[in-house]
């Protein structure tokens, strides 16, 4: 794990065993739960859209990207954590995995959807958050969607912070829910936001 990664992320990674992290999702599925809520939402949002790949930003060990690929979605994964990218690559070497931060994204304008699942936004270095959102916006095609879900807690970005960064990057809010299964958002400690590049 690189010392260049943000402090909050390094604290979380020191406390997490990656093998146990991976096993957690398998346990959820074995117990009848659905560990693929993010993929379900992405597939629903992509309905009727064709031809543009998906970027799983902050992809971690590749859980969501691999599930999207299993469902026929053209997807790439990106994460600054080399250990996590190595695990993702080991599980699905046929997919494209990039070790880099969101703020380093090239001005590609080629993705139909950029997904930031989990706490990607708050785990970004505070100084990099506006730039990371702007880079995600530039990576989208016209009409493309930026979909982010993260915990709301003191010291982490609020929905107002995030909406401000999105607006500054030229994105407009399409929808916000409290879960990946699209439960209504009425405040609370988690938000899933969908912004569009006009």
C-alpha atoms as a PDB file:
ATOM      1  CA  UNK A   1       0.000   0.000   0.000  1.00  0.00           C
ATOM      2  CA  UNK A   2       1.485   3.337  -1.064  1.00  0.00           C
ATOM      3  CA  UNK A   3       2.106   6.127   1.426  1.00  0.00           C
ATOM      4  CA  UNK A   4       0.821   8.469  -1.292  1.00  0.00           C
ATOM      5  CA  UNK A   5      -2.745   7.275  -0.685  1.00  0.00           C
ATOM      6  CA  UNK A   6      -5.039   9.509   1.436  1.00  0.00           C
ATOM      7  CA  UNK A   7      -4.879   9.208   5.231  1.00  0.00           C
ATOM      8  CA  UNK A   8      -8.485   7.993   5.699  1.00  0.00           C
ATOM      9  CA  UNK A   9      -7.911   5.284   3.099  1.00  0.00           C
ATOM     10  CA  UNK A  10      -4.622   4.143   4.649  1.00  0.00           C
ATOM     11  CA  UNK A  11      -6.286   3.903   8.095  1.00  0.00           C
ATOM     12  CA  UNK A  12      -9.097   1.781   6.645  1.00  0.00           C
ATOM     13  CA  UNK A  13      -6.673  -0.463   4.755  1.00  0.00           C
ATOM     14  CA  UNK A  14      -4.527  -1.064   7.841  1.00  0.00           C
ATOM     15  CA  UNK A  15      -7.645  -2.290   9.658  1.00  0.00           C
ATOM     16  CA  UNK A  16      -8.875  -4.571   6.850  1.00  0.00           C
ATOM     17  CA  UNK A  17      -7.651  -8.002   5.825  1.00  0.00           C
ATOM     18  CA  UNK A  18      -8.255  -8.227   2.077  1.00  0.00           C
ATOM     19  CA  UNK A  19      -8.983 -11.968   2.181  1.00  0.00           C
ATOM     20  CA  UNK A  20     -11.678 -11.362   4.804  1.00  0.00           C
ATOM     21  CA  UNK A  21     -12.970  -8.400   2.810  1.00  0.00           C
ATOM     22  CA  UNK A  22     -13.367 -10.668  -0.220  1.00  0.00           C
ATOM     23  CA  UNK A  23     -14.988 -13.463   1.823  1.00  0.00           C
ATOM     24  CA  UNK A  24     -17.611 -11.045   3.169  1.00  0.00           C
ATOM     25  CA  UNK A  25     -19.302 -10.710  -0.215  1.00  0.00           C
ATOM     26  CA  UNK A  26     -19.361 -14.471  -0.767  1.00  0.00           C
ATOM     27  CA  UNK A  27     -20.963 -14.901   2.684  1.00  0.00           C
ATOM     28  CA  UNK A  28     -23.674 -12.370   1.875  1.00  0.00           C
ATOM     29  CA  UNK A  29     -24.557 -14.272  -1.290  1.00  0.00           C
ATOM     30  CA  UNK A  30     -24.398 -17.687   0.444  1.00  0.00           C
ATOM     31  CA  UNK A  31     -26.819 -16.404   3.094  1.00  0.00           C
ATOM     32  CA  UNK A  32     -29.344 -15.356   0.444  1.00  0.00           C
ATOM     33  CA  UNK A  33     -28.396 -11.680   0.315  1.00  0.00           C
ATOM     34  CA  UNK A  34     -27.574  -9.654  -2.768  1.00  0.00           C
ATOM     35  CA  UNK A  35     -24.010  -8.314  -2.878  1.00  0.00           C
ATOM     36  CA  UNK A  36     -24.609  -6.822  -6.327  1.00  0.00           C
ATOM     37  CA  UNK A  37     -26.904  -3.859  -5.683  1.00  0.00           C
ATOM     38  CA  UNK A  38     -24.503  -1.471  -7.384  1.00  0.00           C
ATOM     39  CA  UNK A  39     -24.372  -3.629 -10.521  1.00  0.00           C
ATOM     40  CA  UNK A  40     -28.170  -3.954 -10.510  1.00  0.00           C
ATOM     41  CA  UNK A  41     -28.532  -0.172 -10.507  1.00  0.00           C
ATOM     42  CA  UNK A  42     -25.910   0.380 -13.199  1.00  0.00           C
ATOM     43  CA  UNK A  43     -27.563  -2.149 -15.500  1.00  0.00           C
ATOM     44  CA  UNK A  44     -30.953  -0.479 -14.948  1.00  0.00           C
ATOM     45  CA  UNK A  45     -29.498   2.962 -15.692  1.00  0.00           C
ATOM     46  CA  UNK A  46     -27.833   1.645 -18.861  1.00  0.00           C
ATOM     47  CA  UNK A  47     -31.097   0.260 -20.261  1.00  0.00           C
ATOM     48  CA  UNK A  48     -31.513   1.616 -23.779  1.00  0.00           C
ATOM     49  CA  UNK A  49     -27.985   3.048 -23.862  1.00  0.00           C
ATOM     50  CA  UNK A  50     -25.471   1.330 -26.100  1.00  0.00           C
ATOM     51  CA  UNK A  51     -21.920   1.689 -27.266  1.00  0.00           C
ATOM     52  CA  UNK A  52     -20.220   3.434 -24.362  1.00  0.00           C
ATOM     53  CA  UNK A  53     -18.109   1.627 -21.752  1.00  0.00           C
ATOM     54  CA  UNK A  54     -18.438   1.959 -17.976  1.00  0.00           C
ATOM     55  CA  UNK A  55     -15.619   3.036 -15.680  1.00  0.00           C
ATOM     56  CA  UNK A  56     -15.669   1.540 -12.181  1.00  0.00           C
ATOM     57  CA  UNK A  57     -13.698   4.246 -10.372  1.00  0.00           C
ATOM     58  CA  UNK A  58     -12.233   3.175  -7.049  1.00  0.00           C
ATOM     59  CA  UNK A  59     -12.938  -0.400  -8.104  1.00  0.00           C
ATOM     60  CA  UNK A  60     -11.054  -1.997  -5.213  1.00  0.00           C
ATOM     61  CA  UNK A  61     -10.751  -5.737  -5.687  1.00  0.00           C
ATOM     62  CA  UNK A  62     -13.065  -5.659  -8.715  1.00  0.00           C
ATOM     63  CA  UNK A  63     -16.306  -7.032  -7.257  1.00  0.00           C
ATOM     64  CA  UNK A  64     -18.628  -4.648  -9.110  1.00  0.00           C
ATOM     65  CA  UNK A  65     -16.677  -4.480 -12.374  1.00  0.00           C
ATOM     66  CA  UNK A  66     -16.463  -8.261 -12.592  1.00  0.00           C
ATOM     67  CA  UNK A  67     -20.197  -8.595 -11.997  1.00  0.00           C
ATOM     68  CA  UNK A  68     -20.928  -5.964 -14.654  1.00  0.00           C
ATOM     69  CA  UNK A  69     -18.709  -7.804 -17.136  1.00  0.00           C
ATOM     70  CA  UNK A  70     -20.521 -11.049 -16.275  1.00  0.00           C
ATOM     71  CA  UNK A  71     -23.733  -9.285 -17.322  1.00  0.00           C
ATOM     72  CA  UNK A  72     -22.262  -8.209 -20.653  1.00  0.00           C
ATOM     73  CA  UNK A  73     -21.276  -4.637 -19.769  1.00  0.00           C
ATOM     74  CA  UNK A  74     -18.070  -3.269 -21.326  1.00  0.00           C
ATOM     75  CA  UNK A  75     -16.281  -2.140 -18.150  1.00  0.00           C
ATOM     76  CA  UNK A  76     -12.869  -0.997 -16.955  1.00  0.00           C
ATOM     77  CA  UNK A  77     -11.654  -0.741 -13.364  1.00  0.00           C
ATOM     78  CA  UNK A  78      -9.504   1.987 -11.860  1.00  0.00           C
ATOM     79  CA  UNK A  79      -8.053   2.275  -8.350  1.00  0.00           C
ATOM     80  CA  UNK A  80      -4.928   3.896  -6.870  1.00  0.00           C
ATOM     81  CA  UNK A  81      -4.334   0.985  -4.462  1.00  0.00           C
ATOM     82  CA  UNK A  82      -1.893  -1.424  -6.122  1.00  0.00           C
ATOM     83  CA  UNK A  83      -2.748  -4.325  -3.804  1.00  0.00           C
ATOM     84  CA  UNK A  84      -6.429  -4.111  -4.691  1.00  0.00           C
ATOM     85  CA  UNK A  85      -5.782  -3.752  -8.418  1.00  0.00           C
ATOM     86  CA  UNK A  86      -3.517  -6.822  -8.252  1.00  0.00           C
ATOM     87  CA  UNK A  87      -6.336  -8.841  -6.652  1.00  0.00           C
ATOM     88  CA  UNK A  88      -8.826  -7.613  -9.249  1.00  0.00           C
ATOM     89  CA  UNK A  89      -6.437  -8.450 -12.097  1.00  0.00           C
ATOM     90  CA  UNK A  90      -5.850 -11.906 -10.625  1.00  0.00           C
ATOM     91  CA  UNK A  91      -9.593 -12.623 -10.562  1.00  0.00           C
ATOM     92  CA  UNK A  92     -10.352 -11.260 -14.043  1.00  0.00           C
ATOM     93  CA  UNK A  93      -7.183 -10.798 -16.121  1.00  0.00           C
ATOM     94  CA  UNK A  94      -9.270 -10.356 -19.276  1.00  0.00           C
ATOM     95  CA  UNK A  95     -10.601  -6.990 -18.043  1.00  0.00           C
ATOM     96  CA  UNK A  96      -8.783  -3.667 -18.165  1.00  0.00           C
ATOM     97  CA  UNK A  97      -7.495  -2.587 -14.737  1.00  0.00           C
ATOM     98  CA  UNK A  98      -5.732   0.753 -14.262  1.00  0.00           C
ATOM     99  CA  UNK A  99      -3.772   1.756 -11.184  1.00  0.00           C
ATOM    100  CA  UNK A 100      -4.362   5.477 -10.898  1.00  0.00           C
ATOM    101  CA  UNK A 101      -6.407   8.006  -8.992  1.00  0.00           C
ATOM    102  CA  UNK A 102      -9.575   9.587 -10.333  1.00  0.00           C
ATOM    103  CA  UNK A 103      -7.918  12.999 -10.421  1.00  0.00           C
ATOM    104  CA  UNK A 104      -5.395  11.564 -12.914  1.00  0.00           C
ATOM    105  CA  UNK A 105      -8.016  10.521 -15.472  1.00  0.00           C
ATOM    106  CA  UNK A 106      -7.279  11.721 -18.983  1.00  0.00           C
ATOM    107  CA  UNK A 107      -9.856  13.902 -20.730  1.00  0.00           C
ATOM    108  CA  UNK A 108     -11.318  10.894 -22.507  1.00  0.00           C
ATOM    109  CA  UNK A 109     -14.999  11.830 -22.974  1.00  0.00           C
ATOM    110  CA  UNK A 110     -15.710   8.202 -23.827  1.00  0.00           C
ATOM    111  CA  UNK A 111     -17.537   6.605 -20.906  1.00  0.00           C
ATOM    112  CA  UNK A 112     -21.301   6.295 -20.793  1.00  0.00           C
ATOM    113  CA  UNK A 113     -21.242   5.900 -17.023  1.00  0.00           C
ATOM    114  CA  UNK A 114     -18.654   6.414 -14.305  1.00  0.00           C
ATOM    115  CA  UNK A 115     -19.401   4.525 -11.106  1.00  0.00           C
ATOM    116  CA  UNK A 116     -18.017   5.521  -7.709  1.00  0.00           C
ATOM    117  CA  UNK A 117     -19.409   2.753  -5.487  1.00  0.00           C
ATOM    118  CA  UNK A 118     -18.832   2.632  -1.757  1.00  0.00           C
ATOM    119  CA  UNK A 119     -16.915   5.472  -0.149  1.00  0.00           C
ATOM    120  CA  UNK A 120     -14.756   6.450  -3.116  1.00  0.00           C
ATOM    121  CA  UNK A 121     -15.491  10.178  -2.804  1.00  0.00           C
ATOM    122  CA  UNK A 122     -14.803  10.563   0.930  1.00  0.00           C
ATOM    123  CA  UNK A 123     -11.708   8.349   0.753  1.00  0.00           C
ATOM    124  CA  UNK A 124     -10.167  10.661  -1.839  1.00  0.00           C
ATOM    125  CA  UNK A 125      -7.740  13.163  -0.401  1.00  0.00           C
ATOM    126  CA  UNK A 126      -9.783  16.269   0.560  1.00  0.00           C
ATOM    127  CA  UNK A 127      -7.686  18.488  -1.702  1.00  0.00           C
ATOM    128  CA  UNK A 128      -8.293  16.124  -4.640  1.00  0.00           C
ATOM    129  CA  UNK A 129     -12.071  15.693  -4.323  1.00  0.00           C
ATOM    130  CA  UNK A 130     -13.207  18.588  -6.557  1.00  0.00           C
ATOM    131  CA  UNK A 131     -10.594  17.661  -9.175  1.00  0.00           C
ATOM    132  CA  UNK A 132     -11.561  13.989  -9.036  1.00  0.00           C
ATOM    133  CA  UNK A 133     -15.219  14.835  -9.682  1.00  0.00           C
ATOM    134  CA  UNK A 134     -14.216  17.188 -12.505  1.00  0.00           C
ATOM    135  CA  UNK A 135     -12.050  14.471 -14.070  1.00  0.00           C
ATOM    136  CA  UNK A 136     -14.963  12.013 -13.896  1.00  0.00           C
ATOM    137  CA  UNK A 137     -17.178  14.590 -15.628  1.00  0.00           C
ATOM    138  CA  UNK A 138     -14.636  15.077 -18.405  1.00  0.00           C
ATOM    139  CA  UNK A 139     -14.397  11.307 -18.861  1.00  0.00           C
ATOM    140  CA  UNK A 140     -18.120  11.116 -19.682  1.00  0.00           C
ATOM    141  CA  UNK A 141     -19.684  11.332 -23.109  1.00  0.00           C
ATOM    142  CA  UNK A 142     -22.477  13.848 -23.579  1.00  0.00           C
ATOM    143  CA  UNK A 143     -25.480  12.410 -21.742  1.00  0.00           C
ATOM    144  CA  UNK A 144     -23.245  10.163 -19.639  1.00  0.00           C
ATOM    145  CA  UNK A 145     -23.920   9.528 -15.972  1.00  0.00           C
ATOM    146  CA  UNK A 146     -21.774   9.872 -12.854  1.00  0.00           C
ATOM    147  CA  UNK A 147     -23.160   7.549 -10.161  1.00  0.00           C
ATOM    148  CA  UNK A 148     -21.743   7.811  -6.649  1.00  0.00           C
ATOM    149  CA  UNK A 149     -22.811   6.262  -3.363  1.00  0.00           C
ATOM    150  CA  UNK A 150     -21.144   7.128  -0.077  1.00  0.00           C
ATOM    151  CA  UNK A 151     -21.635   7.429   3.659  1.00  0.00           C
ATOM    152  CA  UNK A 152     -22.496  10.842   5.087  1.00  0.00           C
ATOM    153  CA  UNK A 153     -20.730  11.498   8.374  1.00  0.00           C
ATOM    154  CA  UNK A 154     -18.988  14.382  10.120  1.00  0.00           C
ATOM    155  CA  UNK A 155     -15.728  15.306   8.433  1.00  0.00           C
ATOM    156  CA  UNK A 156     -16.702  13.635   5.152  1.00  0.00           C
ATOM    157  CA  UNK A 157     -18.337  15.343   2.157  1.00  0.00           C
ATOM    158  CA  UNK A 158     -22.002  16.261   2.428  1.00  0.00           C
ATOM    159  CA  UNK A 159     -24.435  15.970  -0.471  1.00  0.00           C
ATOM    160  CA  UNK A 160     -24.209  19.768  -0.773  1.00  0.00           C
ATOM    161  CA  UNK A 161     -20.410  19.552  -1.098  1.00  0.00           C
ATOM    162  CA  UNK A 162     -20.688  16.824  -3.700  1.00  0.00           C
ATOM    163  CA  UNK A 163     -23.449  18.594  -5.650  1.00  0.00           C
ATOM    164  CA  UNK A 164     -21.312  21.725  -5.693  1.00  0.00           C
ATOM    165  CA  UNK A 165     -18.328  19.872  -7.165  1.00  0.00           C
ATOM    166  CA  UNK A 166     -20.603  18.251  -9.747  1.00  0.00           C
ATOM    167  CA  UNK A 167     -22.185  21.583 -10.703  1.00  0.00           C
ATOM    168  CA  UNK A 168     -18.735  23.190 -11.030  1.00  0.00           C
ATOM    169  CA  UNK A 169     -17.817  20.335 -13.383  1.00  0.00           C
ATOM    170  CA  UNK A 170     -20.894  20.994 -15.540  1.00  0.00           C
ATOM    171  CA  UNK A 171     -23.014  18.082 -14.289  1.00  0.00           C
ATOM    172  CA  UNK A 172     -26.699  18.217 -13.359  1.00  0.00           C
ATOM    173  CA  UNK A 173     -28.447  16.113 -10.722  1.00  0.00           C
ATOM    174  CA  UNK A 174     -30.820  13.500 -12.184  1.00  0.00           C
ATOM    175  CA  UNK A 175     -31.692  11.445  -9.097  1.00  0.00           C
ATOM    176  CA  UNK A 176     -30.763  10.733  -5.499  1.00  0.00           C
ATOM    177  CA  UNK A 177     -31.637   7.716  -3.382  1.00  0.00           C
ATOM    178  CA  UNK A 178     -30.717   6.435   0.068  1.00  0.00           C
ATOM    179  CA  UNK A 179     -29.734   2.969  -1.189  1.00  0.00           C
ATOM    180  CA  UNK A 180     -28.557   1.212  -4.329  1.00  0.00           C
ATOM    181  CA  UNK A 181     -32.070  -0.286  -4.555  1.00  0.00           C
ATOM    182  CA  UNK A 182     -33.469   3.230  -5.072  1.00  0.00           C
ATOM    183  CA  UNK A 183     -35.181   3.805  -1.750  1.00  0.00           C
ATOM    184  CA  UNK A 184     -36.172   7.488  -1.482  1.00  0.00           C
ATOM    185  CA  UNK A 185     -33.629   9.878  -0.020  1.00  0.00           C
ATOM    186  CA  UNK A 186     -34.910  12.024   2.841  1.00  0.00           C
ATOM    187  CA  UNK A 187     -31.689  12.771   4.641  1.00  0.00           C
ATOM    188  CA  UNK A 188     -29.873  10.052   6.529  1.00  0.00           C
ATOM    189  CA  UNK A 189     -26.372   8.675   6.536  1.00  0.00           C
ATOM    190  CA  UNK A 190     -26.027   7.336   2.970  1.00  0.00           C
ATOM    191  CA  UNK A 191     -26.753   8.784  -0.451  1.00  0.00           C
ATOM    192  CA  UNK A 192     -26.591   7.427  -3.989  1.00  0.00           C
ATOM    193  CA  UNK A 193     -26.477  10.305  -6.466  1.00  0.00           C
ATOM    194  CA  UNK A 194     -26.847  10.289 -10.248  1.00  0.00           C
ATOM    195  CA  UNK A 195     -25.498  13.304 -12.119  1.00  0.00           C
ATOM    196  CA  UNK A 196     -25.590  13.728 -15.903  1.00  0.00           C
ATOM    197  CA  UNK A 197     -23.282  15.458 -18.358  1.00  0.00           C
ATOM    198  CA  UNK A 198     -25.636  17.540 -20.541  1.00  0.00           C
END
